[in-house]
Amino acid sequence: MQRFQRPFRRISWLDNLVYGFQHRWETNPQYRAAVSGVAGLAMVLVLCACLGILTTAANAALAGFGVGNGNGLLGTNDTGTGKLAPGQKFPTATPLTLPPGSVAGGAIPNSQTPKPGPTATPTQPEATPTQPGGGGGGPTTCDGGSHGGTWAFTPCPLVHSQNATLSVHASNAAGRTLYVLVSFNQSNCTLLQNPTLDAAGNWSMTFQVPACGANSQVPISGEIDTGLYVMGISAAPVQ
């Protein structure tokens, strides 16, 4: 049997170009990089051109609807008021020319307030010395009290080394323990007691006036603390 051979097809220039591009693309990395760069640049140019065409078409369409100015701009910064005018001048008053040392507003009227004078220095009254035996304005009695309670020394005045009685009455503190402190002069010549008031609020004690308080120049002092209130003691000095 006789075979027929397919006639040989001649390669066109387009096939040759495609085959050559394929061969170089597959075998040459530098060629691939160069072709990629050119293709990317061409794509960017095409996109820019398309954007410009779309912008022109959009401006024309908006101008047809009364939006924009038809020159490719959607608006304008020109307000139509013309050039800016220079700043206006405001009139200012010219101050009067006054001679040196004069006052434009006139003299200030007198306030009619008197000038302050020197402050008077207060004088302190002279203290009167205390005389022995209760003189000099000191207490001359031997009894007292406060807050509803009372106290008393008998006899009055007290005499050193002799017997005397201290009596306390405080019905509003009945049954409470007292704190009694009596000082017969400025030194350590004292009497200290802690008695208890009876049911009627009474207490008394007879004692010998200490000799250390003889001829004292200061009044008898001290206090009686009932736990509810305190009564101060101030009596004529010891003789």
Protein backbone atom coordinates (compact mmCIF):
# COMPACT_ATOMS: atom_id res chain seq x y z
CA MET A 1 0.00 0.00 0.00
CA GLN A 2 1.33 3.33 -0.90
CA ARG A 3 1.54 5.91 1.88
CA PHE A 4 0.77 9.52 1.38
CA GLN A 5 2.83 12.05 3.30
CA ARG A 6 1.19 15.11 4.68
CA PRO A 7 2.52 18.08 2.84
CA PHE A 8 4.89 20.26 4.92
CA ARG A 9 3.19 23.46 6.19
CA ARG A 10 5.27 26.51 5.91
CA ILE A 11 5.71 28.52 9.20
CA SER A 12 4.49 32.08 8.93
CA TRP A 13 6.23 35.10 10.36
CA LEU A 14 3.65 35.30 13.16
CA ASP A 15 4.29 31.73 14.19
CA ASN A 16 7.97 32.37 14.06
CA LEU A 17 7.54 35.41 16.25
CA VAL A 18 5.40 33.53 18.79
CA TYR A 19 7.77 30.57 18.89
CA GLY A 20 10.74 32.83 19.30
CA PHE A 21 9.05 34.74 22.14
CA GLN A 22 8.10 31.51 23.88
CA HIS A 23 11.60 30.15 23.58
CA ARG A 24 13.27 33.24 24.94
CA TRP A 25 10.63 33.56 27.73
CA GLU A 26 11.31 30.03 28.90
CA THR A 27 15.07 30.08 28.58
CA ASN A 28 16.16 33.66 29.35
CA PRO A 29 15.31 35.12 32.84
CA GLN A 30 16.59 38.57 31.89
CA TYR A 31 14.28 38.64 28.93
CA ARG A 32 11.34 37.73 31.13
CA ALA A 33 12.17 40.58 33.52
CA ALA A 34 12.51 43.14 30.73
CA VAL A 35 9.27 42.09 29.06
CA SER A 36 7.42 42.18 32.42
CA GLY A 37 8.65 45.72 33.08
CA VAL A 38 7.61 46.95 29.66
CA ALA A 39 4.21 45.30 29.99
CA GLY A 40 3.67 46.88 33.46
CA LEU A 41 4.62 50.34 32.18
CA ALA A 42 2.29 49.96 29.24
CA MET A 43 -0.54 48.93 31.58
CA VAL A 44 0.01 52.03 33.73
CA LEU A 45 -0.08 54.27 30.67
CA VAL A 46 -3.28 52.63 29.50
CA LEU A 47 -4.92 53.12 32.89
CA CYS A 48 -3.93 56.80 32.96
CA ALA A 49 -5.33 57.32 29.52
CA CYS A 50 -8.58 55.63 30.50
CA LEU A 51 -8.82 57.77 33.62
CA GLY A 52 -8.35 60.94 31.59
CA ILE A 53 -11.03 59.87 29.13
CA LEU A 54 -13.46 59.03 31.93
CA THR A 55 -12.77 62.35 33.66
CA THR A 56 -13.42 64.32 30.48
CA ALA A 57 -16.65 62.42 29.88
CA ALA A 58 -17.79 62.92 33.47
CA ASN A 59 -17.13 66.67 33.39
CA ALA A 60 -19.04 66.99 30.15
CA ALA A 61 -21.96 65.06 31.59
CA LEU A 62 -22.00 67.13 34.79
CA ALA A 63 -21.81 70.36 32.78
CA GLY A 64 -24.91 69.20 30.92
CA PHE A 65 -26.73 68.99 34.26
CA GLY A 66 -25.49 72.43 35.38
CA VAL A 67 -22.79 71.14 37.68
CA GLY A 68 -19.21 72.28 37.14
CA ASN A 69 -17.92 74.68 34.52
CA GLY A 70 -17.43 72.29 31.62
CA ASN A 71 -13.64 72.89 31.57
CA GLY A 72 -12.70 69.72 33.32
CA LEU A 73 -13.15 71.22 36.78
CA LEU A 74 -15.98 70.46 39.16
CA GLY A 75 -15.77 73.94 40.69
CA THR A 76 -13.76 77.10 40.86
CA ASN A 77 -12.12 79.04 43.64
CA ASP A 78 -13.07 82.34 42.04
CA THR A 79 -15.86 83.95 44.10
CA GLY A 80 -16.43 86.71 41.55
CA THR A 81 -15.77 89.45 44.07
CA GLY A 82 -12.65 90.69 42.33
CA LYS A 83 -9.32 91.43 43.92
CA LEU A 84 -8.99 91.90 47.62
CA ALA A 85 -9.14 95.53 48.66
CA PRO A 86 -6.51 96.97 50.97
CA GLY A 87 -7.34 97.28 54.66
CA GLN A 88 -9.56 100.14 55.64
CA LYS A 89 -8.15 103.01 57.68
CA PHE A 90 -9.83 103.86 60.96
CA PRO A 91 -9.63 107.43 62.25
CA THR A 92 -7.85 107.83 65.58
CA ALA A 93 -8.05 110.81 67.87
CA THR A 94 -4.92 112.90 68.07
CA PRO A 95 -3.92 113.57 71.71
CA LEU A 96 -3.74 117.16 72.79
CA THR A 97 -0.37 118.76 73.15
CA LEU A 98 0.02 119.56 76.84
CA PRO A 99 2.79 121.40 78.60
CA PRO A 100 5.20 119.31 80.69
CA GLY A 101 3.86 118.37 84.15
CA SER A 102 0.18 118.95 83.33
CA VAL A 103 -2.55 116.34 83.67
CA ALA A 104 -5.13 115.98 80.90
CA GLY A 105 -7.86 114.66 83.22
CA GLY A 106 -7.56 117.39 85.78
CA ALA A 107 -6.61 117.15 89.41
CA ILE A 108 -8.07 114.35 91.55
CA PRO A 109 -10.55 115.77 94.10
CA ASN A 110 -9.81 115.48 97.79
CA SER A 111 -11.31 112.33 99.34
CA GLN A 112 -12.08 114.23 102.57
CA THR A 113 -10.54 111.33 104.56
CA PRO A 114 -8.40 112.60 107.47
CA LYS A 115 -4.80 111.54 107.60
CA PRO A 116 -4.04 108.72 110.06
CA GLY A 117 -2.45 109.86 113.27
CA PRO A 118 0.03 108.03 115.51
CA THR A 119 -1.33 104.95 117.26
CA ALA A 120 -1.65 105.39 120.98
CA THR A 121 0.31 102.91 123.06
CA PRO A 122 -1.91 101.25 125.67
CA THR A 123 -0.72 101.65 129.19
CA GLN A 124 -0.76 98.72 131.57
CA PRO A 125 -2.07 99.29 135.11
CA GLU A 126 0.50 98.86 137.80
CA ALA A 127 0.08 95.75 139.90
CA THR A 128 -0.65 96.36 143.54
CA PRO A 129 1.71 94.36 145.76
CA THR A 130 0.09 91.82 148.03
CA GLN A 131 0.50 92.57 151.68
CA PRO A 132 0.85 89.91 154.39
CA GLY A 133 -2.34 88.81 156.05
CA GLY A 134 -4.53 89.10 152.99
CA GLY A 135 -3.80 92.72 152.18
CA GLY A 136 -3.30 94.16 148.73
CA GLY A 137 -6.69 93.21 147.29
CA GLY A 138 -6.46 89.44 147.95
CA PRO A 139 -9.35 87.34 149.29
CA THR A 140 -10.37 88.04 152.87
CA THR A 141 -13.00 85.29 153.16
CA CYS A 142 -12.57 81.55 153.68
CA ASP A 143 -15.52 80.13 151.76
CA GLY A 144 -16.77 79.79 148.21
CA GLY A 145 -18.27 77.37 145.70
CA SER A 146 -19.64 76.83 142.19
CA HIS A 147 -21.95 74.53 140.16
CA GLY A 148 -24.26 74.13 143.18
CA GLY A 149 -21.52 73.08 145.61
CA THR A 150 -19.91 75.02 148.48
CA TRP A 151 -16.79 74.82 150.65
CA ALA A 152 -15.63 76.67 153.79
CA PHE A 153 -12.65 76.92 156.19
CA THR A 154 -13.18 77.66 159.86
CA PRO A 155 -11.90 79.68 161.63
CA CYS A 156 -11.06 82.48 159.22
CA PRO A 157 -8.30 83.30 158.66
CA LEU A 158 -6.43 80.09 159.36
CA VAL A 159 -3.56 80.23 161.88
CA HIS A 160 -0.55 78.00 161.50
CA SER A 161 -0.11 75.10 163.91
CA GLN A 162 -3.73 75.39 165.05
CA ASN A 163 -6.72 73.20 164.22
CA ALA A 164 -9.07 74.14 161.41
CA THR A 165 -12.04 72.50 159.64
CA LEU A 166 -12.73 72.18 155.92
CA SER A 167 -16.40 71.53 155.09
CA VAL A 168 -17.81 70.60 151.66
CA HIS A 169 -21.46 70.44 150.66
CA ALA A 170 -22.45 69.19 147.18
CA SER A 171 -25.88 67.58 147.17
CA ASN A 172 -25.78 67.20 143.37
CA ALA A 173 -22.70 64.93 143.73
CA ALA A 174 -23.80 62.88 146.76
CA GLY A 175 -21.94 59.60 147.22
CA ARG A 176 -19.07 60.55 144.86
CA THR A 177 -15.37 60.44 145.78
CA LEU A 178 -13.70 63.85 145.93
CA TYR A 179 -10.24 64.96 144.94
CA VAL A 180 -9.26 67.73 147.39
CA LEU A 181 -6.03 69.72 146.99
CA VAL A 182 -5.20 72.68 149.28
CA SER A 183 -2.00 74.75 148.92
CA PHE A 184 -1.11 76.97 151.86
CA ASN A 185 1.72 78.90 150.15
CA GLN A 186 3.78 78.86 146.97
CA SER A 187 6.13 76.10 148.18
CA ASN A 188 5.34 72.41 148.68
CA CYS A 189 3.02 73.03 151.63
CA THR A 190 -0.13 71.22 150.57
CA LEU A 191 -2.98 69.06 151.82
CA LEU A 192 -4.28 66.21 149.63
CA GLN A 193 -7.41 64.16 150.45
CA ASN A 194 -9.74 61.69 148.61
CA PRO A 195 -12.89 61.57 150.78
CA THR A 196 -16.41 60.42 149.79
CA LEU A 197 -19.52 62.55 150.16
CA ASP A 198 -22.31 61.06 152.24
CA ALA A 199 -25.86 60.49 151.02
CA ALA A 200 -26.70 64.17 151.61
CA GLY A 201 -23.56 65.38 149.79
CA ASN A 202 -21.66 66.51 152.92
CA TRP A 203 -18.08 66.00 154.07
CA SER A 204 -15.88 67.75 156.64
CA MET A 205 -12.41 67.24 158.06
CA THR A 206 -10.55 68.77 161.02
CA PHE A 207 -6.82 69.17 160.51
CA GLN A 208 -3.86 71.07 161.91
CA VAL A 209 -2.76 73.99 159.74
CA PRO A 210 0.85 73.22 158.76
CA ALA A 211 3.56 75.45 160.14
CA CYS A 212 5.05 75.77 156.64
CA GLY A 213 2.17 78.08 155.74
CA ALA A 214 2.89 80.57 158.56
CA ASN A 215 2.63 84.26 157.65
CA SER A 216 2.10 83.46 153.98
CA GLN A 217 1.90 86.38 151.58
CA VAL A 218 -0.21 84.48 149.03
CA PRO A 219 -3.84 83.35 149.38
CA ILE A 220 -4.76 79.74 150.07
CA SER A 221 -5.48 78.03 146.74
CA GLY A 222 -6.50 74.63 145.43
CA GLU A 223 -9.48 72.74 143.99
CA ILE A 224 -12.23 70.27 144.85
CA ASP A 225 -13.02 67.86 142.01
CA THR A 226 -16.35 66.02 142.43
CA GLY A 227 -16.00 64.02 139.19
CA LEU A 228 -18.88 66.09 137.77
CA TYR A 229 -17.39 69.55 138.16
CA VAL A 230 -14.47 71.33 139.81
CA MET A 231 -14.72 74.03 142.50
CA GLY A 232 -11.71 76.31 142.83
CA ILE A 233 -10.39 77.26 146.29
CA SER A 234 -9.26 80.81 147.01
CA ALA A 235 -9.15 81.94 150.67
CA ALA A 236 -7.37 84.42 152.93
CA PRO A 237 -3.69 83.67 153.57
CA VAL A 238 -2.53 81.72 156.62
CA GLN A 239 -1.58 83.86 159.61
